[in-house]
Amino acid sequence: MQETVTPDRLPEWVPGKILLSSDGQNWRNVGLRTYRYQGQDVIVPALSDFMLVSYRDGVTPMRRRFEGRWKHETLCPGAISLLTRAQQAHWTWDEPLTVTHLYLAPGLLAGIASEAMDCHVTDVQLADVLRADDPVLTSMVEAIAGEAGQAGMGGALFVESLSRALGIHLLRRYASIRLPAPRTGQKLTPAEMQRIRDYIQENLSETLNLGDMAAQIGLPTDLFTRRFRASFGQPPYRYVIAQRVERAGHLLAQRRMAVKEIAAHCGFADQAHLTRIYARETGMTPGAFRKSI
């Protein structure tokens, strides 16, 4: 796959006036810009993200060469173009246009596909569509553009919800999905198990998030949870508690740290939390355990 460029660098190849941008709004995996373009004959570089082009104003014949083939359409407000990531394309048009670009990070679509298909998706590609007349796509891009313009309360969360719904629509109608080679069994591999053990031990003093653990081996959370249970004999949260209690026991036995410090070092909320969990799991409070050794 050829080297890619980020969407913010697109004006280096396709000059235009930026009318609207989501820059600086802390959106995750989604970006948006609205451009005013004059007629051009340009090479759009291979982008790091998927791109949807929503036509807002102006009517023009459009010619696009993608993977060696030219396509011709007349584009106008309401139409949408799709461009998969990491593919260079040649665009040429004659009349002024106002368009909104919506950029979707590859991990967003791959993650949605993994959840929907209950397996790890290795790659997603969008179909080469120069013109789609799709009211669902048009309305979703319009809603996301509206949020970029007003930056309202909870905007990042709102955009995340819209982008997930848009991603499902794209996967249903316009995408091809590559799955990994089949593997036997429903357990984690030994290498995956060791990676998870190491990650938990290295981050035991921190808040351990199920999604972050699953991301270490590239699985959706539901599939990760099932395979973790099948591999370790218990769900992730129980395993993490057991590791916290085990580490606390070692530190208590060393008598070098106060119980309050041990609680923080092992990822408990406070000393009371450590005392409650340790007593539940071992039958002894931390103080009683220290007195017994």
C-alpha atoms as a PDB file:
ATOM      1  CA  MET A   1       0.000   0.000   0.000  1.00  0.00           C
ATOM      2  CA  GLN A   2       1.379   3.386  -0.970  1.00  0.00           C
ATOM      3  CA  GLU A   3       2.268   6.152   1.445  1.00  0.00           C
ATOM      4  CA  THR A   4      -0.713   8.213   2.568  1.00  0.00           C
ATOM      5  CA  VAL A   5      -1.274  11.829   3.590  1.00  0.00           C
ATOM      6  CA  THR A   6      -3.622  13.186   6.222  1.00  0.00           C
ATOM      7  CA  PRO A   7      -6.744  15.077   5.097  1.00  0.00           C
ATOM      8  CA  ASP A   8      -5.566  18.392   6.533  1.00  0.00           C
ATOM      9  CA  ARG A   9      -2.852  18.440   3.868  1.00  0.00           C
ATOM     10  CA  LEU A  10      -5.301  18.052   0.990  1.00  0.00           C
ATOM     11  CA  PRO A  11      -5.151  21.780   0.026  1.00  0.00           C
ATOM     12  CA  GLU A  12      -1.517  21.232  -0.981  1.00  0.00           C
ATOM     13  CA  TRP A  13      -2.850  19.229  -3.927  1.00  0.00           C
ATOM     14  CA  VAL A  14      -6.383  20.616  -4.301  1.00  0.00           C
ATOM     15  CA  PRO A  15      -6.475  24.362  -3.552  1.00  0.00           C
ATOM     16  CA  GLY A  16      -9.739  25.749  -2.274  1.00  0.00           C
ATOM     17  CA  LYS A  17     -11.266  28.141   0.252  1.00  0.00           C
ATOM     18  CA  ILE A  18     -12.152  26.517   3.593  1.00  0.00           C
ATOM     19  CA  LEU A  19     -15.645  27.582   4.639  1.00  0.00           C
ATOM     20  CA  LEU A  20     -16.143  25.249   7.612  1.00  0.00           C
ATOM     21  CA  SER A  21     -13.887  22.937   9.619  1.00  0.00           C
ATOM     22  CA  SER A  22     -14.091  20.599  12.594  1.00  0.00           C
ATOM     23  CA  ASP A  23     -10.445  21.274  13.459  1.00  0.00           C
ATOM     24  CA  GLY A  24      -9.920  21.754  17.184  1.00  0.00           C
ATOM     25  CA  GLN A  25     -13.274  20.281  18.249  1.00  0.00           C
ATOM     26  CA  ASN A  26     -11.811  17.068  19.701  1.00  0.00           C
ATOM     27  CA  TRP A  27     -13.776  14.698  17.497  1.00  0.00           C
ATOM     28  CA  ARG A  28     -12.476  11.149  17.466  1.00  0.00           C
ATOM     29  CA  ASN A  29     -11.904   9.292  14.180  1.00  0.00           C
ATOM     30  CA  VAL A  30     -13.963  11.827  12.203  1.00  0.00           C
ATOM     31  CA  GLY A  31     -13.061  15.090  10.513  1.00  0.00           C
ATOM     32  CA  LEU A  32     -15.006  17.540   8.363  1.00  0.00           C
ATOM     33  CA  ARG A  33     -14.211  20.440   6.069  1.00  0.00           C
ATOM     34  CA  THR A  34     -16.339  22.401   3.632  1.00  0.00           C
ATOM     35  CA  TYR A  35     -14.506  23.872   0.615  1.00  0.00           C
ATOM     36  CA  ARG A  36     -15.347  26.305  -2.161  1.00  0.00           C
ATOM     37  CA  TYR A  37     -13.571  25.144  -5.322  1.00  0.00           C
ATOM     38  CA  GLN A  38     -13.125  26.568  -8.766  1.00  0.00           C
ATOM     39  CA  GLY A  39     -12.943  24.235 -11.759  1.00  0.00           C
ATOM     40  CA  GLN A  40      -9.766  22.136 -11.519  1.00  0.00           C
ATOM     41  CA  ASP A  41      -7.786  19.250 -12.954  1.00  0.00           C
ATOM     42  CA  VAL A  42      -6.007  17.693  -9.973  1.00  0.00           C
ATOM     43  CA  ILE A  43      -4.515  14.529  -8.566  1.00  0.00           C
ATOM     44  CA  VAL A  44      -5.947  13.734  -5.146  1.00  0.00           C
ATOM     45  CA  PRO A  45      -3.235  11.885  -3.201  1.00  0.00           C
ATOM     46  CA  ALA A  46      -3.754   8.634  -1.348  1.00  0.00           C
ATOM     47  CA  LEU A  47      -5.395   9.749   1.898  1.00  0.00           C
ATOM     48  CA  SER A  48      -4.987   8.108   5.278  1.00  0.00           C
ATOM     49  CA  ASP A  49      -8.773   8.253   5.822  1.00  0.00           C
ATOM     50  CA  PHE A  50     -11.878   7.331   3.877  1.00  0.00           C
ATOM     51  CA  MET A  51     -13.515  10.376   2.285  1.00  0.00           C
ATOM     52  CA  LEU A  52     -17.132  11.214   1.514  1.00  0.00           C
ATOM     53  CA  VAL A  53     -17.757  14.255  -0.703  1.00  0.00           C
ATOM     54  CA  SER A  54     -21.193  15.836  -0.288  1.00  0.00           C
ATOM     55  CA  TYR A  55     -22.093  18.380  -2.997  1.00  0.00           C
ATOM     56  CA  ARG A  56     -23.655  21.509  -1.521  1.00  0.00           C
ATOM     57  CA  ASP A  57     -23.735  24.107  -4.304  1.00  0.00           C
ATOM     58  CA  GLY A  58     -23.006  24.200  -8.020  1.00  0.00           C
ATOM     59  CA  VAL A  59     -23.564  21.799 -10.919  1.00  0.00           C
ATOM     60  CA  THR A  60     -20.735  20.432 -13.053  1.00  0.00           C
ATOM     61  CA  PRO A  61     -19.682  17.466 -15.172  1.00  0.00           C
ATOM     62  CA  MET A  62     -17.156  15.477 -13.132  1.00  0.00           C
ATOM     63  CA  ARG A  63     -14.557  13.067 -14.440  1.00  0.00           C
ATOM     64  CA  ARG A  64     -12.592  10.844 -12.102  1.00  0.00           C
ATOM     65  CA  ARG A  65      -9.952   8.245 -12.827  1.00  0.00           C
ATOM     66  CA  PHE A  66      -9.559   5.631 -10.143  1.00  0.00           C
ATOM     67  CA  GLU A  67      -7.330   2.562 -10.564  1.00  0.00           C
ATOM     68  CA  GLY A  68      -6.878   3.342 -14.267  1.00  0.00           C
ATOM     69  CA  ARG A  69     -10.568   3.760 -15.165  1.00  0.00           C
ATOM     70  CA  TRP A  70     -12.356   7.042 -15.951  1.00  0.00           C
ATOM     71  CA  LYS A  71     -15.900   7.607 -14.714  1.00  0.00           C
ATOM     72  CA  HIS A  72     -18.144  10.479 -15.785  1.00  0.00           C
ATOM     73  CA  GLU A  73     -21.125  11.973 -13.934  1.00  0.00           C
ATOM     74  CA  THR A  74     -22.909  15.290 -13.550  1.00  0.00           C
ATOM     75  CA  LEU A  75     -22.753  16.270  -9.894  1.00  0.00           C
ATOM     76  CA  CYS A  76     -25.094  18.630  -8.081  1.00  0.00           C
ATOM     77  CA  PRO A  77     -26.444  19.321  -4.570  1.00  0.00           C
ATOM     78  CA  GLY A  78     -27.619  16.115  -2.860  1.00  0.00           C
ATOM     79  CA  ALA A  79     -25.100  13.848  -4.591  1.00  0.00           C
ATOM     80  CA  ILE A  80     -22.321  12.032  -2.720  1.00  0.00           C
ATOM     81  CA  SER A  81     -18.959  10.696  -3.923  1.00  0.00           C
ATOM     82  CA  LEU A  82     -17.067   7.964  -2.051  1.00  0.00           C
ATOM     83  CA  LEU A  83     -13.321   7.475  -2.082  1.00  0.00           C
ATOM     84  CA  THR A  84     -11.635   4.636  -0.242  1.00  0.00           C
ATOM     85  CA  ARG A  85      -8.457   5.289   1.713  1.00  0.00           C
ATOM     86  CA  ALA A  86      -4.910   4.862   0.412  1.00  0.00           C
ATOM     87  CA  GLN A  87      -5.879   5.228  -3.255  1.00  0.00           C
ATOM     88  CA  GLN A  88      -4.773   8.084  -5.510  1.00  0.00           C
ATOM     89  CA  ALA A  89      -7.405   9.506  -7.872  1.00  0.00           C
ATOM     90  CA  HIS A  90      -7.469  12.015 -10.756  1.00  0.00           C
ATOM     91  CA  TRP A  91     -10.383  14.488 -10.622  1.00  0.00           C
ATOM     92  CA  THR A  92     -11.337  17.084 -13.208  1.00  0.00           C
ATOM     93  CA  TRP A  93     -14.327  19.445 -13.293  1.00  0.00           C
ATOM     94  CA  ASP A  94     -15.156  22.770 -14.946  1.00  0.00           C
ATOM     95  CA  GLU A  95     -17.617  24.723 -12.800  1.00  0.00           C
ATOM     96  CA  PRO A  96     -17.338  26.197  -9.273  1.00  0.00           C
ATOM     97  CA  LEU A  97     -18.446  23.868  -6.488  1.00  0.00           C
ATOM     98  CA  THR A  98     -19.086  23.969  -2.760  1.00  0.00           C
ATOM     99  CA  VAL A  99     -18.523  20.561  -1.200  1.00  0.00           C
ATOM    100  CA  THR A 100     -18.295  19.074   2.280  1.00  0.00           C
ATOM    101  CA  HIS A 101     -15.614  16.467   2.893  1.00  0.00           C
ATOM    102  CA  LEU A 102     -16.224  13.957   5.679  1.00  0.00           C
ATOM    103  CA  TYR A 103     -13.132  11.983   6.683  1.00  0.00           C
ATOM    104  CA  LEU A 104     -13.456   8.656   8.506  1.00  0.00           C
ATOM    105  CA  ALA A 105     -10.442   7.021  10.149  1.00  0.00           C
ATOM    106  CA  PRO A 106      -9.837   3.411   9.049  1.00  0.00           C
ATOM    107  CA  GLY A 107     -10.047   2.169  12.625  1.00  0.00           C
ATOM    108  CA  LEU A 108     -13.607   3.500  12.908  1.00  0.00           C
ATOM    109  CA  LEU A 109     -15.008   1.386  10.081  1.00  0.00           C
ATOM    110  CA  ALA A 110     -12.896  -1.648  10.977  1.00  0.00           C
ATOM    111  CA  GLY A 111     -14.069  -1.425  14.588  1.00  0.00           C
ATOM    112  CA  ILE A 112     -17.730  -1.131  13.619  1.00  0.00           C
ATOM    113  CA  ALA A 113     -17.370  -4.061  11.216  1.00  0.00           C
ATOM    114  CA  SER A 114     -15.686  -6.162  13.921  1.00  0.00           C
ATOM    115  CA  GLU A 115     -18.552  -5.514  16.328  1.00  0.00           C
ATOM    116  CA  ALA A 116     -21.251  -6.119  13.724  1.00  0.00           C
ATOM    117  CA  MET A 117     -19.701  -9.367  12.462  1.00  0.00           C
ATOM    118  CA  ASP A 118     -18.502 -10.567  15.878  1.00  0.00           C
ATOM    119  CA  CYS A 119     -14.978 -11.188  14.604  1.00  0.00           C
ATOM    120  CA  HIS A 120     -11.778  -9.270  14.011  1.00  0.00           C
ATOM    121  CA  VAL A 121     -11.917  -7.409  10.689  1.00  0.00           C
ATOM    122  CA  THR A 122      -8.496  -6.737   9.194  1.00  0.00           C
ATOM    123  CA  ASP A 123      -9.408  -4.350   6.378  1.00  0.00           C
ATOM    124  CA  VAL A 124     -12.323  -2.351   4.969  1.00  0.00           C
ATOM    125  CA  GLN A 125     -12.517  -0.788   1.510  1.00  0.00           C
ATOM    126  CA  LEU A 126     -15.174   1.541   0.165  1.00  0.00           C
ATOM    127  CA  ALA A 127     -16.546   1.013  -3.321  1.00  0.00           C
ATOM    128  CA  ASP A 128     -15.530   3.457  -6.060  1.00  0.00           C
ATOM    129  CA  VAL A 129     -18.710   5.529  -6.318  1.00  0.00           C
ATOM    130  CA  LEU A 130     -18.491   8.810  -8.194  1.00  0.00           C
ATOM    131  CA  ARG A 131     -22.166   9.604  -7.699  1.00  0.00           C
ATOM    132  CA  ALA A 132     -24.491   8.151  -5.074  1.00  0.00           C
ATOM    133  CA  ASP A 133     -27.980   9.563  -4.632  1.00  0.00           C
ATOM    134  CA  ASP A 134     -28.435   8.472  -1.050  1.00  0.00           C
ATOM    135  CA  PRO A 135     -30.592  10.628   1.248  1.00  0.00           C
ATOM    136  CA  VAL A 136     -29.328   8.777   4.329  1.00  0.00           C
ATOM    137  CA  LEU A 137     -25.707   9.674   3.632  1.00  0.00           C
ATOM    138  CA  THR A 138     -26.604  13.219   2.635  1.00  0.00           C
ATOM    139  CA  SER A 139     -28.608  13.862   5.811  1.00  0.00           C
ATOM    140  CA  MET A 140     -25.930  12.392   8.076  1.00  0.00           C
ATOM    141  CA  VAL A 141     -23.153  14.470   6.517  1.00  0.00           C
ATOM    142  CA  GLU A 142     -25.415  17.513   6.808  1.00  0.00           C
ATOM    143  CA  ALA A 143     -26.034  16.809  10.510  1.00  0.00           C
ATOM    144  CA  ILE A 144     -22.317  16.403  11.220  1.00  0.00           C
ATOM    145  CA  ALA A 145     -21.577  19.598   9.295  1.00  0.00           C
ATOM    146  CA  GLY A 146     -24.210  21.378  11.358  1.00  0.00           C
ATOM    147  CA  GLU A 147     -22.440  20.297  14.526  1.00  0.00           C
ATOM    148  CA  ALA A 148     -19.109  21.535  13.177  1.00  0.00           C
ATOM    149  CA  GLY A 149     -20.743  24.918  12.662  1.00  0.00           C
ATOM    150  CA  GLN A 150     -22.291  25.290  16.098  1.00  0.00           C
ATOM    151  CA  ALA A 151     -19.993  23.195  18.359  1.00  0.00           C
ATOM    152  CA  GLY A 152     -22.809  22.575  20.822  1.00  0.00           C
ATOM    153  CA  MET A 153     -22.786  20.828  24.185  1.00  0.00           C
ATOM    154  CA  GLY A 154     -21.757  17.189  23.892  1.00  0.00           C
ATOM    155  CA  GLY A 155     -20.739  17.738  20.289  1.00  0.00           C
ATOM    156  CA  ALA A 156     -18.015  15.079  20.201  1.00  0.00           C
ATOM    157  CA  LEU A 157     -20.407  12.471  21.617  1.00  0.00           C
ATOM    158  CA  PHE A 158     -23.127  13.496  19.169  1.00  0.00           C
ATOM    159  CA  VAL A 159     -20.739  13.215  16.216  1.00  0.00           C
ATOM    160  CA  GLU A 160     -19.503   9.842  17.465  1.00  0.00           C
ATOM    161  CA  SER A 161     -23.078   8.526  17.506  1.00  0.00           C
ATOM    162  CA  LEU A 162     -23.792   9.856  14.027  1.00  0.00           C
ATOM    163  CA  SER A 163     -20.538   8.519  12.608  1.00  0.00           C
ATOM    164  CA  ARG A 164     -21.227   5.031  13.953  1.00  0.00           C
ATOM    165  CA  ALA A 165     -24.660   5.000  12.330  1.00  0.00           C
ATOM    166  CA  LEU A 166     -23.152   6.338   9.106  1.00  0.00           C
ATOM    167  CA  GLY A 167     -20.433   3.685   9.276  1.00  0.00           C
ATOM    168  CA  ILE A 168     -22.993   0.882   9.523  1.00  0.00           C
ATOM    169  CA  HIS A 169     -24.825   2.292   6.511  1.00  0.00           C
ATOM    170  CA  LEU A 170     -21.593   2.420   4.515  1.00  0.00           C
ATOM    171  CA  LEU A 171     -20.695  -1.148   5.471  1.00  0.00           C
ATOM    172  CA  ARG A 172     -24.116  -2.407   4.422  1.00  0.00           C
ATOM    173  CA  ARG A 173     -24.177  -0.730   1.025  1.00  0.00           C
ATOM    174  CA  TYR A 174     -20.772   0.433  -0.138  1.00  0.00           C
ATOM    175  CA  ALA A 175     -17.977  -1.564   1.490  1.00  0.00           C
ATOM    176  CA  SER A 176     -16.023  -4.757   1.095  1.00  0.00           C
ATOM    177  CA  ILE A 177     -14.636  -6.364   4.245  1.00  0.00           C
ATOM    178  CA  ARG A 178     -11.562  -8.546   4.598  1.00  0.00           C
ATOM    179  CA  LEU A 179     -11.537 -11.107   7.377  1.00  0.00           C
ATOM    180  CA  PRO A 180      -8.469 -12.767   8.870  1.00  0.00           C
ATOM    181  CA  ALA A 181      -7.635 -16.349   8.018  1.00  0.00           C
ATOM    182  CA  PRO A 182      -9.875 -18.738   9.973  1.00  0.00           C
ATOM    183  CA  ARG A 183      -8.423 -20.006  13.191  1.00  0.00           C
ATOM    184  CA  THR A 184      -9.466 -23.011  15.191  1.00  0.00           C
ATOM    185  CA  GLY A 185     -10.966 -22.730  18.654  1.00  0.00           C
ATOM    186  CA  GLN A 186     -12.481 -19.825  20.486  1.00  0.00           C
ATOM    187  CA  LYS A 187      -9.606 -19.092  22.835  1.00  0.00           C
ATOM    188  CA  LEU A 188      -6.852 -16.531  22.823  1.00  0.00           C
ATOM    189  CA  THR A 189      -3.546 -17.714  21.466  1.00  0.00           C
ATOM    190  CA  PRO A 190      -0.671 -18.176  23.966  1.00  0.00           C
ATOM    191  CA  ALA A 191       0.960 -15.022  22.596  1.00  0.00           C
ATOM    192  CA  GLU A 192      -2.296 -13.050  23.053  1.00  0.00           C
ATOM    193  CA  MET A 193      -2.684 -14.348  26.602  1.00  0.00           C
ATOM    194  CA  GLN A 194       0.845 -13.280  27.474  1.00  0.00           C
ATOM    195  CA  ARG A 195       0.311  -9.854  25.917  1.00  0.00           C
ATOM    196  CA  ILE A 196      -2.801  -9.364  28.060  1.00  0.00           C
ATOM    197  CA  ARG A 197      -1.030 -10.574  31.220  1.00  0.00           C
ATOM    198  CA  ASP A 198       1.826  -8.151  30.596  1.00  0.00           C
ATOM    199  CA  TYR A 199      -0.542  -5.258  29.867  1.00  0.00           C
ATOM    200  CA  ILE A 200      -2.531  -5.856  33.058  1.00  0.00           C
ATOM    201  CA  GLN A 201       0.592  -6.117  35.216  1.00  0.00           C
ATOM    202  CA  GLU A 202       2.092  -2.969  33.695  1.00  0.00           C
ATOM    203  CA  ASN A 203      -1.110  -0.988  34.273  1.00  0.00           C
ATOM    204  CA  LEU A 204      -2.408  -2.544  37.490  1.00  0.00           C
ATOM    205  CA  SER A 205      -2.136   0.749  39.376  1.00  0.00           C
ATOM    206  CA  GLU A 206      -4.336   2.455  36.767  1.00  0.00           C
ATOM    207  CA  THR A 207      -7.993   2.129  35.784  1.00  0.00           C
ATOM    208  CA  LEU A 208      -8.087  -0.865  33.435  1.00  0.00           C
ATOM    209  CA  ASN A 209     -10.663  -0.386  30.683  1.00  0.00           C
ATOM    210  CA  LEU A 210     -12.122  -3.410  28.907  1.00  0.00           C
ATOM    211  CA  GLY A 211     -11.918  -1.663  25.532  1.00  0.00           C
ATOM    212  CA  ASP A 212      -8.251  -0.821  26.051  1.00  0.00           C
ATOM    213  CA  MET A 213      -7.466  -4.428  26.971  1.00  0.00           C
ATOM    214  CA  ALA A 214      -9.288  -5.720  23.893  1.00  0.00           C
ATOM    215  CA  ALA A 215      -7.423  -3.227  21.714  1.00  0.00           C
ATOM    216  CA  GLN A 216      -4.097  -4.779  22.743  1.00  0.00           C
ATOM    217  CA  ILE A 217      -4.907  -7.771  20.552  1.00  0.00           C
ATOM    218  CA  GLY A 218      -7.239  -6.074  18.060  1.00  0.00           C
ATOM    219  CA  LEU A 219     -10.551  -7.627  19.102  1.00  0.00           C
ATOM    220  CA  PRO A 220     -13.983  -6.061  19.699  1.00  0.00           C
ATOM    221  CA  THR A 221     -14.878  -6.038  23.388  1.00  0.00           C
ATOM    222  CA  ASP A 222     -17.622  -8.688  23.216  1.00  0.00           C
ATOM    223  CA  LEU A 223     -15.423 -11.177  21.387  1.00  0.00           C
ATOM    224  CA  PHE A 224     -12.468 -10.380  23.646  1.00  0.00           C
ATOM    225  CA  THR A 225     -14.559 -11.017  26.763  1.00  0.00           C
ATOM    226  CA  ARG A 226     -15.724 -14.429  25.521  1.00  0.00           C
ATOM    227  CA  ARG A 227     -12.248 -15.537  24.478  1.00  0.00           C
ATOM    228  CA  PHE A 228     -10.724 -14.208  27.690  1.00  0.00           C
ATOM    229  CA  ARG A 229     -13.173 -16.218  29.778  1.00  0.00           C
ATOM    230  CA  ALA A 230     -12.533 -19.345  27.706  1.00  0.00           C
ATOM    231  CA  SER A 231      -8.764 -18.891  28.062  1.00  0.00           C
ATOM    232  CA  PHE A 232      -8.406 -17.743  31.681  1.00  0.00           C
ATOM    233  CA  GLY A 233     -11.445 -19.470  33.189  1.00  0.00           C
ATOM    234  CA  GLN A 234     -12.942 -16.224  34.462  1.00  0.00           C
ATOM    235  CA  PRO A 235     -14.091 -12.861  33.062  1.00  0.00           C
ATOM    236  CA  PRO A 236     -11.577 -10.020  32.733  1.00  0.00           C
ATOM    237  CA  TYR A 237     -12.822  -8.039  35.729  1.00  0.00           C
ATOM    238  CA  ARG A 238     -12.441 -11.060  38.045  1.00  0.00           C
ATOM    239  CA  TYR A 239      -8.939 -11.713  36.745  1.00  0.00           C
ATOM    240  CA  VAL A 240      -7.947  -8.088  37.322  1.00  0.00           C
ATOM    241  CA  ILE A 241      -9.286  -8.180  40.896  1.00  0.00           C
ATOM    242  CA  ALA A 242      -7.331 -11.358  41.565  1.00  0.00           C
ATOM    243  CA  GLN A 243      -4.148  -9.730  40.280  1.00  0.00           C
ATOM    244  CA  ARG A 244      -4.724  -6.632  42.412  1.00  0.00           C
ATOM    245  CA  VAL A 245      -5.282  -8.749  45.517  1.00  0.00           C
ATOM    246  CA  GLU A 246      -2.227 -10.904  44.786  1.00  0.00           C
ATOM    247  CA  ARG A 247       0.014  -7.862  44.374  1.00  0.00           C
ATOM    248  CA  ALA A 248      -1.416  -6.300  47.527  1.00  0.00           C
ATOM    249  CA  GLY A 249      -0.610  -9.497  49.423  1.00  0.00           C
ATOM    250  CA  HIS A 250       3.025  -9.402  48.302  1.00  0.00           C
ATOM    251  CA  LEU A 251       3.391  -5.757  49.312  1.00  0.00           C
ATOM    252  CA  LEU A 252       1.681  -6.297  52.666  1.00  0.00           C
ATOM    253  CA  ALA A 253       4.067  -9.143  53.426  1.00  0.00           C
ATOM    254  CA  GLN A 254       7.086  -6.937  52.669  1.00  0.00           C
ATOM    255  CA  ARG A 255       5.946  -4.376  55.291  1.00  0.00           C
ATOM    256  CA  ARG A 256       7.665  -1.551  53.406  1.00  0.00           C
ATOM    257  CA  MET A 257       4.558   0.444  52.460  1.00  0.00           C
ATOM    258  CA  ALA A 258       1.557   1.775  54.339  1.00  0.00           C
ATOM    259  CA  VAL A 259      -1.771   0.178  53.483  1.00  0.00           C
ATOM    260  CA  LYS A 260      -2.906   3.448  51.897  1.00  0.00           C
ATOM    261  CA  GLU A 261       0.118   3.411  49.572  1.00  0.00           C
ATOM    262  CA  ILE A 262      -0.467  -0.236  48.699  1.00  0.00           C
ATOM    263  CA  ALA A 263      -4.068   0.570  47.745  1.00  0.00           C
ATOM    264  CA  ALA A 264      -2.893   3.199  45.263  1.00  0.00           C
ATOM    265  CA  HIS A 265      -0.100   0.985  43.924  1.00  0.00           C
ATOM    266  CA  CYS A 266      -2.537  -1.853  43.224  1.00  0.00           C
ATOM    267  CA  GLY A 267      -5.285   0.172  41.550  1.00  0.00           C
ATOM    268  CA  PHE A 268      -7.813   0.343  44.394  1.00  0.00           C
ATOM    269  CA  ALA A 269      -9.824   3.523  44.828  1.00  0.00           C
ATOM    270  CA  ASP A 270      -8.626   4.036  48.401  1.00  0.00           C
ATOM    271  CA  GLN A 271      -7.646   2.153  51.552  1.00  0.00           C
ATOM    272  CA  ALA A 272     -11.261   1.312  52.391  1.00  0.00           C
ATOM    273  CA  HIS A 273     -11.751  -0.171  48.932  1.00  0.00           C
ATOM    274  CA  LEU A 274      -8.635  -2.331  49.338  1.00  0.00           C
ATOM    275  CA  THR A 275      -9.764  -3.482  52.785  1.00  0.00           C
ATOM    276  CA  ARG A 276     -13.223  -4.438  51.551  1.00  0.00           C
ATOM    277  CA  ILE A 277     -12.027  -6.344  48.461  1.00  0.00           C
ATOM    278  CA  TYR A 278      -9.083  -8.002  50.207  1.00  0.00           C
ATOM    279  CA  ALA A 279     -11.304  -9.249  53.032  1.00  0.00           C
ATOM    280  CA  ARG A 280     -13.876 -10.541  50.567  1.00  0.00           C
ATOM    281  CA  GLU A 281     -11.301 -12.402  48.484  1.00  0.00           C
ATOM    282  CA  THR A 282      -9.059 -13.784  51.249  1.00  0.00           C
ATOM    283  CA  GLY A 283     -11.202 -13.803  54.366  1.00  0.00           C
ATOM    284  CA  MET A 284      -8.794 -11.437  56.153  1.00  0.00           C
ATOM    285  CA  THR A 285      -8.381  -7.676  56.256  1.00  0.00           C
ATOM    286  CA  PRO A 286      -4.979  -6.293  55.215  1.00  0.00           C
ATOM    287  CA  GLY A 287      -4.220  -5.466  58.851  1.00  0.00           C
ATOM    288  CA  ALA A 288      -5.135  -8.952  60.016  1.00  0.00           C
ATOM    289  CA  PHE A 289      -3.022 -10.495  57.261  1.00  0.00           C
ATOM    290  CA  ARG A 290       0.013  -8.483  58.338  1.00  0.00           C
ATOM    291  CA  LYS A 291      -0.433  -9.554  61.951  1.00  0.00           C
ATOM    292  CA  SER A 292      -0.638 -13.196  60.912  1.00  0.00           C
ATOM    293  CA  ILE A 293       2.787 -13.290  59.243  1.00  0.00           C
END
